[in-house]
Amino acid sequence: MSGKKSYNGVSDIPSGSRKMVQSLKEIVNCCPEAEIYAVLKDCNMDPNEAVNRLLSQAAHIPFCLQ
């Protein structure tokens, strides 16, 4: 087992981070909140870096950037 915690749903997102995740969801609306939170964690909770990563991922998904 890798020891990493999996964030599979909104209920797994800590309440202190939920507002930030919801704000980022307005920018990258095609990404699930759990994915947004996972990227935020990878970016040390830096919302700018997280948005950049999520948008670069979304650029490869045609329906995301309409």
PDB file of N, CA and C in Angstrom:
ATOM      1  N   MET A   1       0.838  -1.180   0.000  1.00  0.00           N
ATOM      2  CA  MET A   1       0.000   0.000   0.000  1.00  0.00           C
ATOM      3  C   MET A   1       0.883   1.244   0.000  1.00  0.00           C
ATOM      4  N   SER A   2       0.500   2.261  -0.745  1.00  0.00           N
ATOM      5  CA  SER A   2       1.354   3.429  -0.930  1.00  0.00           C
ATOM      6  C   SER A   2       1.318   4.395   0.241  1.00  0.00           C
ATOM      7  N   GLY A   3       0.298   4.359   1.046  1.00  0.00           N
ATOM      8  CA  GLY A   3       0.206   5.273   2.168  1.00  0.00           C
ATOM      9  C   GLY A   3      -0.458   6.591   1.817  1.00  0.00           C
ATOM     10  N   LYS A   4      -0.739   6.815   0.539  1.00  0.00           N
ATOM     11  CA  LYS A   4      -1.423   8.038   0.130  1.00  0.00           C
ATOM     12  C   LYS A   4      -2.908   7.907   0.397  1.00  0.00           C
ATOM     13  N   LYS A   5      -3.502   8.993   0.848  1.00  0.00           N
ATOM     14  CA  LYS A   5      -4.939   8.990   1.078  1.00  0.00           C
ATOM     15  C   LYS A   5      -5.640   9.352  -0.221  1.00  0.00           C
ATOM     16  N   SER A   6      -6.680   8.639  -0.528  1.00  0.00           N
ATOM     17  CA  SER A   6      -7.444   8.897  -1.738  1.00  0.00           C
ATOM     18  C   SER A   6      -8.626   9.799  -1.408  1.00  0.00           C
ATOM     19  N   TYR A   7      -8.821  10.836  -2.217  1.00  0.00           N
ATOM     20  CA  TYR A   7      -9.937  11.751  -2.034  1.00  0.00           C
ATOM     21  C   TYR A   7     -10.943  11.477  -3.137  1.00  0.00           C
ATOM     22  N   ASN A   8     -11.933  10.664  -2.809  1.00  0.00           N
ATOM     23  CA  ASN A   8     -12.872  10.204  -3.822  1.00  0.00           C
ATOM     24  C   ASN A   8     -14.136  11.037  -3.909  1.00  0.00           C
ATOM     25  N   GLY A   9     -14.360  11.918  -2.983  1.00  0.00           N
ATOM     26  CA  GLY A   9     -15.591  12.679  -3.028  1.00  0.00           C
ATOM     27  C   GLY A   9     -15.492  13.952  -2.228  1.00  0.00           C
ATOM     28  N   VAL A  10     -16.526  14.756  -2.343  1.00  0.00           N
ATOM     29  CA  VAL A  10     -16.558  16.045  -1.664  1.00  0.00           C
ATOM     30  C   VAL A  10     -16.466  15.866  -0.157  1.00  0.00           C
ATOM     31  N   SER A  11     -17.062  14.823   0.372  1.00  0.00           N
ATOM     32  CA  SER A  11     -17.046  14.625   1.817  1.00  0.00           C
ATOM     33  C   SER A  11     -15.643  14.343   2.343  1.00  0.00           C
ATOM     34  N   ASP A  12     -14.724  13.945   1.465  1.00  0.00           N
ATOM     35  CA  ASP A  12     -13.344  13.682   1.873  1.00  0.00           C
ATOM     36  C   ASP A  12     -12.491  14.948   1.917  1.00  0.00           C
ATOM     37  N   ILE A  13     -13.026  16.057   1.423  1.00  0.00           N
ATOM     38  CA  ILE A  13     -12.278  17.313   1.400  1.00  0.00           C
ATOM     39  C   ILE A  13     -12.482  18.012   2.742  1.00  0.00           C
ATOM     40  N   PRO A  14     -11.397  18.350   3.420  1.00  0.00           N
ATOM     41  CA  PRO A  14     -11.537  19.039   4.711  1.00  0.00           C
ATOM     42  C   PRO A  14     -12.329  20.338   4.560  1.00  0.00           C
ATOM     43  N   SER A  15     -13.117  20.644   5.550  1.00  0.00           N
ATOM     44  CA  SER A  15     -13.992  21.818   5.461  1.00  0.00           C
ATOM     45  C   SER A  15     -13.203  23.104   5.251  1.00  0.00           C
ATOM     46  N   GLY A  16     -12.006  23.185   5.795  1.00  0.00           N
ATOM     47  CA  GLY A  16     -11.189  24.380   5.618  1.00  0.00           C
ATOM     48  C   GLY A  16     -10.722  24.589   4.185  1.00  0.00           C
ATOM     49  N   SER A  17     -10.683  23.532   3.409  1.00  0.00           N
ATOM     50  CA  SER A  17     -10.227  23.613   2.017  1.00  0.00           C
ATOM     51  C   SER A  17     -11.382  23.648   1.026  1.00  0.00           C
ATOM     52  N   ARG A  18     -12.557  23.329   1.483  1.00  0.00           N
ATOM     53  CA  ARG A  18     -13.701  23.187   0.574  1.00  0.00           C
ATOM     54  C   ARG A  18     -14.023  24.481  -0.169  1.00  0.00           C
ATOM     55  N   LYS A  19     -13.933  25.625   0.522  1.00  0.00           N
ATOM     56  CA  LYS A  19     -14.256  26.899  -0.129  1.00  0.00           C
ATOM     57  C   LYS A  19     -13.267  27.189  -1.261  1.00  0.00           C
ATOM     58  N   MET A  20     -11.988  26.906  -1.022  1.00  0.00           N
ATOM     59  CA  MET A  20     -10.989  27.123  -2.067  1.00  0.00           C
ATOM     60  C   MET A  20     -11.252  26.197  -3.252  1.00  0.00           C
ATOM     61  N   VAL A  21     -11.582  24.955  -2.963  1.00  0.00           N
ATOM     62  CA  VAL A  21     -11.876  23.993  -4.028  1.00  0.00           C
ATOM     63  C   VAL A  21     -13.076  24.471  -4.844  1.00  0.00           C
ATOM     64  N   GLN A  22     -14.101  24.950  -4.174  1.00  0.00           N
ATOM     65  CA  GLN A  22     -15.288  25.429  -4.882  1.00  0.00           C
ATOM     66  C   GLN A  22     -14.973  26.661  -5.725  1.00  0.00           C
ATOM     67  N   SER A  23     -14.101  27.515  -5.239  1.00  0.00           N
ATOM     68  CA  SER A  23     -13.691  28.683  -6.024  1.00  0.00           C
ATOM     69  C   SER A  23     -12.943  28.258  -7.281  1.00  0.00           C
ATOM     70  N   LEU A  24     -12.053  27.289  -7.134  1.00  0.00           N
ATOM     71  CA  LEU A  24     -11.305  26.809  -8.292  1.00  0.00           C
ATOM     72  C   LEU A  24     -12.212  26.059  -9.261  1.00  0.00           C
ATOM     73  N   LYS A  25     -13.243  25.433  -8.739  1.00  0.00           N
ATOM     74  CA  LYS A  25     -14.198  24.708  -9.581  1.00  0.00           C
ATOM     75  C   LYS A  25     -14.883  25.663 -10.558  1.00  0.00           C
ATOM     76  N   GLU A  26     -15.053  26.916 -10.168  1.00  0.00           N
ATOM     77  CA  GLU A  26     -15.645  27.906 -11.071  1.00  0.00           C
ATOM     78  C   GLU A  26     -14.735  28.173 -12.269  1.00  0.00           C
ATOM     79  N   ILE A  27     -13.442  27.992 -12.087  1.00  0.00           N
ATOM     80  CA  ILE A  27     -12.479  28.226 -13.166  1.00  0.00           C
ATOM     81  C   ILE A  27     -12.309  26.976 -14.017  1.00  0.00           C
ATOM     82  N   VAL A  28     -12.171  25.851 -13.368  1.00  0.00           N
ATOM     83  CA  VAL A  28     -11.956  24.579 -14.076  1.00  0.00           C
ATOM     84  C   VAL A  28     -13.162  23.678 -13.820  1.00  0.00           C
ATOM     85  N   ASN A  29     -14.290  24.070 -14.362  1.00  0.00           N
ATOM     86  CA  ASN A  29     -15.552  23.414 -14.030  1.00  0.00           C
ATOM     87  C   ASN A  29     -15.676  21.984 -14.527  1.00  0.00           C
ATOM     88  N   CYS A  30     -14.793  21.537 -15.394  1.00  0.00           N
ATOM     89  CA  CYS A  30     -14.915  20.158 -15.872  1.00  0.00           C
ATOM     90  C   CYS A  30     -14.199  19.162 -14.955  1.00  0.00           C
ATOM     91  N   CYS A  31     -13.456  19.667 -13.988  1.00  0.00           N
ATOM     92  CA  CYS A  31     -12.729  18.780 -13.075  1.00  0.00           C
ATOM     93  C   CYS A  31     -13.561  18.507 -11.829  1.00  0.00           C
ATOM     94  N   PRO A  32     -13.593  17.272 -11.402  1.00  0.00           N
ATOM     95  CA  PRO A  32     -14.293  16.967 -10.149  1.00  0.00           C
ATOM     96  C   PRO A  32     -13.583  17.612  -8.955  1.00  0.00           C
ATOM     97  N   GLU A  33     -14.341  17.919  -7.936  1.00  0.00           N
ATOM     98  CA  GLU A  33     -13.775  18.579  -6.760  1.00  0.00           C
ATOM     99  C   GLU A  33     -12.676  17.747  -6.115  1.00  0.00           C
ATOM    100  N   ALA A  34     -12.822  16.445  -6.132  1.00  0.00           N
ATOM    101  CA  ALA A  34     -11.792  15.582  -5.541  1.00  0.00           C
ATOM    102  C   ALA A  34     -10.469  15.724  -6.294  1.00  0.00           C
ATOM    103  N   GLU A  35     -10.548  15.850  -7.612  1.00  0.00           N
ATOM    104  CA  GLU A  35      -9.323  16.032  -8.405  1.00  0.00           C
ATOM    105  C   GLU A  35      -8.706  17.401  -8.133  1.00  0.00           C
ATOM    106  N   ILE A  36      -9.551  18.409  -8.026  1.00  0.00           N
ATOM    107  CA  ILE A  36      -9.060  19.757  -7.720  1.00  0.00           C
ATOM    108  C   ILE A  36      -8.328  19.742  -6.382  1.00  0.00           C
ATOM    109  N   TYR A  37      -8.912  19.086  -5.399  1.00  0.00           N
ATOM    110  CA  TYR A  37      -8.275  19.026  -4.087  1.00  0.00           C
ATOM    111  C   TYR A  37      -6.949  18.263  -4.146  1.00  0.00           C
ATOM    112  N   ALA A  38      -6.927  17.179  -4.889  1.00  0.00           N
ATOM    113  CA  ALA A  38      -5.691  16.399  -5.012  1.00  0.00           C
ATOM    114  C   ALA A  38      -4.581  17.236  -5.647  1.00  0.00           C
ATOM    115  N   VAL A  39      -4.930  18.012  -6.673  1.00  0.00           N
ATOM    116  CA  VAL A  39      -3.933  18.864  -7.321  1.00  0.00           C
ATOM    117  C   VAL A  39      -3.499  19.980  -6.371  1.00  0.00           C
ATOM    118  N   LEU A  40      -4.437  20.538  -5.640  1.00  0.00           N
ATOM    119  CA  LEU A  40      -4.078  21.552  -4.640  1.00  0.00           C
ATOM    120  C   LEU A  40      -3.063  20.997  -3.648  1.00  0.00           C
ATOM    121  N   LYS A  41      -3.305  19.788  -3.179  1.00  0.00           N
ATOM    122  CA  LYS A  41      -2.375  19.161  -2.238  1.00  0.00           C
ATOM    123  C   LYS A  41      -0.999  18.989  -2.880  1.00  0.00           C
ATOM    124  N   ASP A  42      -0.981  18.559  -4.142  1.00  0.00           N
ATOM    125  CA  ASP A  42       0.290  18.391  -4.852  1.00  0.00           C
ATOM    126  C   ASP A  42       1.023  19.721  -5.016  1.00  0.00           C
ATOM    127  N   CYS A  43       0.259  20.801  -5.064  1.00  0.00           N
ATOM    128  CA  CYS A  43       0.828  22.147  -5.255  1.00  0.00           C
ATOM    129  C   CYS A  43       0.997  22.880  -3.927  1.00  0.00           C
ATOM    130  N   ASN A  44       1.020  22.153  -2.840  1.00  0.00           N
ATOM    131  CA  ASN A  44       1.159  22.760  -1.509  1.00  0.00           C
ATOM    132  C   ASN A  44       0.098  23.823  -1.246  1.00  0.00           C
ATOM    133  N   MET A  45      -1.113  23.548  -1.716  1.00  0.00           N
ATOM    134  CA  MET A  45      -2.283  24.411  -1.522  1.00  0.00           C
ATOM    135  C   MET A  45      -2.124  25.783  -2.185  1.00  0.00           C
ATOM    136  N   ASP A  46      -1.310  25.856  -3.223  1.00  0.00           N
ATOM    137  CA  ASP A  46      -1.148  27.092  -3.994  1.00  0.00           C
ATOM    138  C   ASP A  46      -2.211  27.102  -5.094  1.00  0.00           C
ATOM    139  N   PRO A  47      -3.236  27.945  -4.961  1.00  0.00           N
ATOM    140  CA  PRO A  47      -4.326  27.921  -5.938  1.00  0.00           C
ATOM    141  C   PRO A  47      -3.890  28.317  -7.346  1.00  0.00           C
ATOM    142  N   ASN A  48      -2.934  29.223  -7.462  1.00  0.00           N
ATOM    143  CA  ASN A  48      -2.473  29.630  -8.793  1.00  0.00           C
ATOM    144  C   ASN A  48      -1.803  28.471  -9.525  1.00  0.00           C
ATOM    145  N   GLU A  49      -0.937  27.784  -8.836  1.00  0.00           N
ATOM    146  CA  GLU A  49      -0.255  26.635  -9.437  1.00  0.00           C
ATOM    147  C   GLU A  49      -1.256  25.527  -9.762  1.00  0.00           C
ATOM    148  N   ALA A  50      -2.201  25.309  -8.863  1.00  0.00           N
ATOM    149  CA  ALA A  50      -3.205  24.265  -9.090  1.00  0.00           C
ATOM    150  C   ALA A  50      -4.043  24.575 -10.328  1.00  0.00           C
ATOM    151  N   VAL A  51      -4.466  25.820 -10.472  1.00  0.00           N
ATOM    152  CA  VAL A  51      -5.261  26.200 -11.648  1.00  0.00           C
ATOM    153  C   VAL A  51      -4.444  26.012 -12.918  1.00  0.00           C
ATOM    154  N   ASN A  52      -3.185  26.413 -12.885  1.00  0.00           N
ATOM    155  CA  ASN A  52      -2.335  26.225 -14.068  1.00  0.00           C
ATOM    156  C   ASN A  52      -2.247  24.753 -14.457  1.00  0.00           C
ATOM    157  N   ARG A  53      -2.043  23.904 -13.479  1.00  0.00           N
ATOM    158  CA  ARG A  53      -1.946  22.465 -13.771  1.00  0.00           C
ATOM    159  C   ARG A  53      -3.267  21.915 -14.291  1.00  0.00           C
ATOM    160  N   LEU A  54      -4.348  22.293 -13.629  1.00  0.00           N
ATOM    161  CA  LEU A  54      -5.655  21.775 -14.036  1.00  0.00           C
ATOM    162  C   LEU A  54      -6.037  22.264 -15.432  1.00  0.00           C
ATOM    163  N   LEU A  55      -5.746  23.521 -15.731  1.00  0.00           N
ATOM    164  CA  LEU A  55      -6.064  24.041 -17.059  1.00  0.00           C
ATOM    165  C   LEU A  55      -5.209  23.382 -18.132  1.00  0.00           C
ATOM    166  N   SER A  56      -3.969  23.094 -17.812  1.00  0.00           N
ATOM    167  CA  SER A  56      -3.135  22.427 -18.813  1.00  0.00           C
ATOM    168  C   SER A  56      -3.626  21.003 -19.054  1.00  0.00           C
ATOM    169  N   GLN A  57      -4.141  20.357 -18.019  1.00  0.00           N
ATOM    170  CA  GLN A  57      -4.736  19.028 -18.192  1.00  0.00           C
ATOM    171  C   GLN A  57      -6.033  19.137 -18.989  1.00  0.00           C
ATOM    172  N   ALA A  58      -6.825  20.157 -18.688  1.00  0.00           N
ATOM    173  CA  ALA A  58      -8.126  20.324 -19.331  1.00  0.00           C
ATOM    174  C   ALA A  58      -7.981  20.660 -20.809  1.00  0.00           C
ATOM    175  N   ALA A  59      -6.859  21.228 -21.197  1.00  0.00           N
ATOM    176  CA  ALA A  59      -6.646  21.581 -22.601  1.00  0.00           C
ATOM    177  C   ALA A  59      -6.680  20.345 -23.495  1.00  0.00           C
ATOM    178  N   HIS A  60      -6.450  19.190 -22.912  1.00  0.00           N
ATOM    179  CA  HIS A  60      -6.454  17.943 -23.670  1.00  0.00           C
ATOM    180  C   HIS A  60      -7.831  17.283 -23.697  1.00  0.00           C
ATOM    181  N   ILE A  61      -8.799  17.911 -23.037  1.00  0.00           N
ATOM    182  CA  ILE A  61     -10.162  17.378 -22.994  1.00  0.00           C
ATOM    183  C   ILE A  61     -11.059  18.375 -23.724  1.00  0.00           C
ATOM    184  N   PRO A  62     -11.517  18.042 -24.920  1.00  0.00           N
ATOM    185  CA  PRO A  62     -12.210  19.018 -25.772  1.00  0.00           C
ATOM    186  C   PRO A  62     -13.402  19.725 -25.135  1.00  0.00           C
ATOM    187  N   PHE A  63     -14.204  19.046 -24.337  1.00  0.00           N
ATOM    188  CA  PHE A  63     -15.410  19.672 -23.803  1.00  0.00           C
ATOM    189  C   PHE A  63     -15.132  20.592 -22.622  1.00  0.00           C
ATOM    190  N   CYS A  64     -13.925  20.605 -22.102  1.00  0.00           N
ATOM    191  CA  CYS A  64     -13.635  21.392 -20.904  1.00  0.00           C
ATOM    192  C   CYS A  64     -13.467  22.879 -21.171  1.00  0.00           C
ATOM    193  N   LEU A  65     -12.905  23.247 -22.264  1.00  0.00           N
ATOM    194  CA  LEU A  65     -12.563  24.649 -22.491  1.00  0.00           C
ATOM    195  C   LEU A  65     -13.456  25.297 -23.540  1.00  0.00           C
ATOM    196  N   GLN A  66     -14.718  24.986 -23.515  1.00  0.00           N
ATOM    197  CA  GLN A  66     -15.641  25.575 -24.486  1.00  0.00           C
ATOM    198  C   GLN A  66     -16.095  26.934 -24.039  1.00  0.00           C
TER     199      GLN A  66
END
